[in-house]
């Protein structure tokens, strides 16, 4: 499980993740980046709202749809903002994810990009099951009730 206390600061969050999916378990994964990409992430020019994670043919865990804007001062290095990025997880975490993905309806969703205290860009991913329309309505009602309770106190 992800520990909230080992984060230096959050770069971006996928706000729809908890609304669209019922997140069962979360993991913290490293991201394989180039030098210009990490500079763009630190400048908060990253979007994960359309992203999803998958295993490719070589059994490497990747994220697709994560957009990192081009860094202006990167020099001659070619940048592809939409390339698939490899995710770094332990062997046990990968086994857990593959076993969970065998269940129907389970997907791996990016939840948050953050910078660790050591300066590395990390991605919090979650195993989620898609919510039905009535589940979404229920979560909106709960959110409204909590807001009203907080207003009165």
Protein backbone atom coordinates (compact mmCIF):
# COMPACT_ATOMS: atom_id res chain seq x y z
CA UNK A 1 0.00 0.00 0.00
CA UNK A 2 1.10 3.54 -0.62
CA UNK A 3 2.30 5.56 2.35
CA UNK A 4 1.24 9.19 2.21
CA UNK A 5 4.08 10.43 4.40
CA UNK A 6 6.93 9.71 1.95
CA UNK A 7 5.79 12.29 -0.63
CA UNK A 8 7.52 15.59 -1.08
CA UNK A 9 4.85 17.22 -3.22
CA UNK A 10 2.10 16.25 -5.61
CA UNK A 11 2.42 17.27 -9.25
CA UNK A 12 -0.97 16.21 -10.62
CA UNK A 13 -3.96 14.07 -9.64
CA UNK A 14 -6.50 12.17 -11.70
CA UNK A 15 -9.65 13.69 -10.22
CA UNK A 16 -12.01 11.33 -12.05
CA UNK A 17 -10.29 8.16 -10.86
CA UNK A 18 -12.17 7.84 -7.57
CA UNK A 19 -15.45 8.94 -9.19
CA UNK A 20 -15.31 6.54 -12.16
CA UNK A 21 -13.74 3.56 -10.35
CA UNK A 22 -13.91 1.84 -6.99
CA UNK A 23 -10.20 1.68 -6.12
CA UNK A 24 -9.36 -1.53 -4.25
CA UNK A 25 -5.58 -1.32 -3.89
CA UNK A 26 -2.88 1.23 -4.71
CA UNK A 27 0.79 0.88 -5.63
CA UNK A 28 3.68 3.31 -5.97
CA UNK A 29 5.64 2.91 -9.22
CA UNK A 30 8.72 4.60 -10.59
CA UNK A 31 8.65 5.99 -14.12
CA UNK A 32 11.41 5.63 -16.74
CA UNK A 33 11.90 9.18 -18.08
CA UNK A 34 14.34 11.22 -20.11
CA UNK A 35 16.00 14.36 -18.72
CA UNK A 36 13.65 16.75 -20.51
CA UNK A 37 10.59 14.84 -19.29
CA UNK A 38 11.52 15.09 -15.62
CA UNK A 39 12.04 18.82 -16.03
CA UNK A 40 8.55 19.13 -17.53
CA UNK A 41 7.08 17.11 -14.66
CA UNK A 42 8.73 19.37 -12.09
CA UNK A 43 7.22 22.33 -13.98
CA UNK A 44 3.81 20.57 -13.55
CA UNK A 45 3.23 20.15 -17.29
CA UNK A 46 1.87 16.62 -17.16
CA UNK A 47 -1.59 15.11 -17.63
CA UNK A 48 -2.73 11.63 -16.58
CA UNK A 49 -6.49 11.98 -16.98
CA UNK A 50 -6.56 9.88 -20.19
CA UNK A 51 -3.90 7.41 -19.06
CA UNK A 52 -4.12 3.68 -18.42
CA UNK A 53 -1.62 0.94 -17.59
CA UNK A 54 -1.02 -2.34 -19.42
CA UNK A 55 1.45 -5.18 -19.99
CA UNK A 56 3.08 -5.24 -23.43
CA UNK A 57 4.27 -8.34 -25.36
CA UNK A 58 7.57 -8.52 -23.44
CA UNK A 59 5.76 -8.52 -20.05
CA UNK A 60 6.86 -4.98 -19.31
CA UNK A 61 4.37 -2.84 -17.38
CA UNK A 62 3.74 0.47 -19.18
CA UNK A 63 1.48 3.51 -19.06
CA UNK A 64 -0.17 4.88 -22.18
CA UNK A 65 -1.98 8.19 -22.47
CA UNK A 66 0.17 10.04 -19.95
CA UNK A 67 1.06 13.30 -21.67
CA UNK A 68 4.23 15.16 -20.67
CA UNK A 69 4.57 18.49 -22.48
CA UNK A 70 7.76 19.23 -24.39
CA UNK A 71 10.45 21.09 -22.47
CA UNK A 72 11.41 24.25 -24.38
CA UNK A 73 15.11 24.30 -23.47
CA UNK A 74 15.80 20.64 -24.20
CA UNK A 75 18.14 21.42 -27.10
CA UNK A 76 18.54 19.00 -29.98
CA UNK A 77 16.88 16.03 -28.22
CA UNK A 78 13.70 14.85 -29.94
CA UNK A 79 10.73 14.68 -27.57
CA UNK A 80 7.58 12.64 -28.01
CA UNK A 81 5.01 13.80 -25.42
CA UNK A 82 2.71 10.80 -25.99
CA UNK A 83 5.20 7.92 -25.86
CA UNK A 84 4.54 4.89 -23.64
CA UNK A 85 6.50 5.07 -20.40
CA UNK A 86 7.77 1.99 -18.54
CA UNK A 87 6.77 1.63 -14.90
CA UNK A 88 9.11 0.20 -12.27
CA UNK A 89 7.55 -2.15 -9.71
CA UNK A 90 8.82 -5.02 -7.62
CA UNK A 91 8.31 -8.60 -8.71
CA UNK A 92 5.77 -9.24 -5.94
CA UNK A 93 3.75 -6.16 -6.90
CA UNK A 94 3.72 -7.25 -10.55
CA UNK A 95 2.46 -10.71 -9.53
CA UNK A 96 -0.33 -9.13 -7.46
CA UNK A 97 -1.37 -6.94 -10.37
CA UNK A 98 -1.37 -9.79 -12.90
CA UNK A 99 -3.45 -11.97 -10.58
CA UNK A 100 -5.96 -9.16 -10.05
CA UNK A 101 -6.14 -8.37 -13.78
CA UNK A 102 -7.37 -11.90 -14.46
CA UNK A 103 -10.62 -10.91 -12.72
CA UNK A 104 -13.15 -9.34 -15.04
CA UNK A 105 -13.73 -5.63 -14.78
CA UNK A 106 -10.43 -4.78 -13.05
CA UNK A 107 -8.29 -2.06 -14.63
CA UNK A 108 -5.11 -0.28 -13.59
CA UNK A 109 -5.62 3.48 -13.35
CA UNK A 110 -3.05 6.22 -12.75
CA UNK A 111 -4.11 8.23 -9.69
CA UNK A 112 -1.34 10.72 -8.93
CA UNK A 113 2.10 11.86 -10.11
CA UNK A 114 4.38 13.11 -7.34
CA UNK A 115 8.03 13.81 -6.58
CA UNK A 116 9.59 11.60 -3.89
CA UNK A 117 11.85 13.08 -1.19
CA UNK A 118 14.87 11.73 -3.10
CA UNK A 119 13.80 13.72 -6.19
CA UNK A 120 12.39 10.89 -8.31
CA UNK A 121 9.11 11.15 -10.19
CA UNK A 122 6.68 8.49 -8.99
CA UNK A 123 3.23 7.41 -10.11
CA UNK A 124 0.53 6.13 -7.81
CA UNK A 125 -1.55 3.52 -9.62
CA UNK A 126 -4.69 1.84 -8.41
CA UNK A 127 -6.54 -1.37 -9.17
CA UNK A 128 -10.12 -0.33 -9.79
CA UNK A 129 -13.45 -1.71 -10.82
CA UNK A 130 -15.73 0.51 -12.88
CA UNK A 131 -18.68 1.98 -11.02
CA UNK A 132 -22.25 1.77 -12.25
CA UNK A 133 -24.37 4.89 -12.63
CA UNK A 134 -26.19 4.30 -9.34
CA UNK A 135 -22.86 3.94 -7.52
CA UNK A 136 -21.75 7.30 -8.89
CA UNK A 137 -25.00 8.91 -7.72
CA UNK A 138 -24.47 7.41 -4.29
CA UNK A 139 -20.95 8.81 -4.04
CA UNK A 140 -22.24 12.27 -5.06
CA UNK A 141 -24.91 12.10 -2.34
CA UNK A 142 -22.28 11.14 0.26
CA UNK A 143 -20.09 14.02 -0.89
CA UNK A 144 -23.00 16.50 -0.55
CA UNK A 145 -23.86 15.19 2.93
CA UNK A 146 -20.24 15.54 4.09
CA UNK A 147 -20.11 19.09 2.70
CA UNK A 148 -23.31 20.06 4.57
CA UNK A 149 -22.02 18.57 7.82
CA UNK A 150 -18.76 20.51 7.49
CA UNK A 151 -20.65 23.75 6.82
CA UNK A 152 -22.62 23.42 10.05
CA UNK A 153 -19.57 22.74 12.24
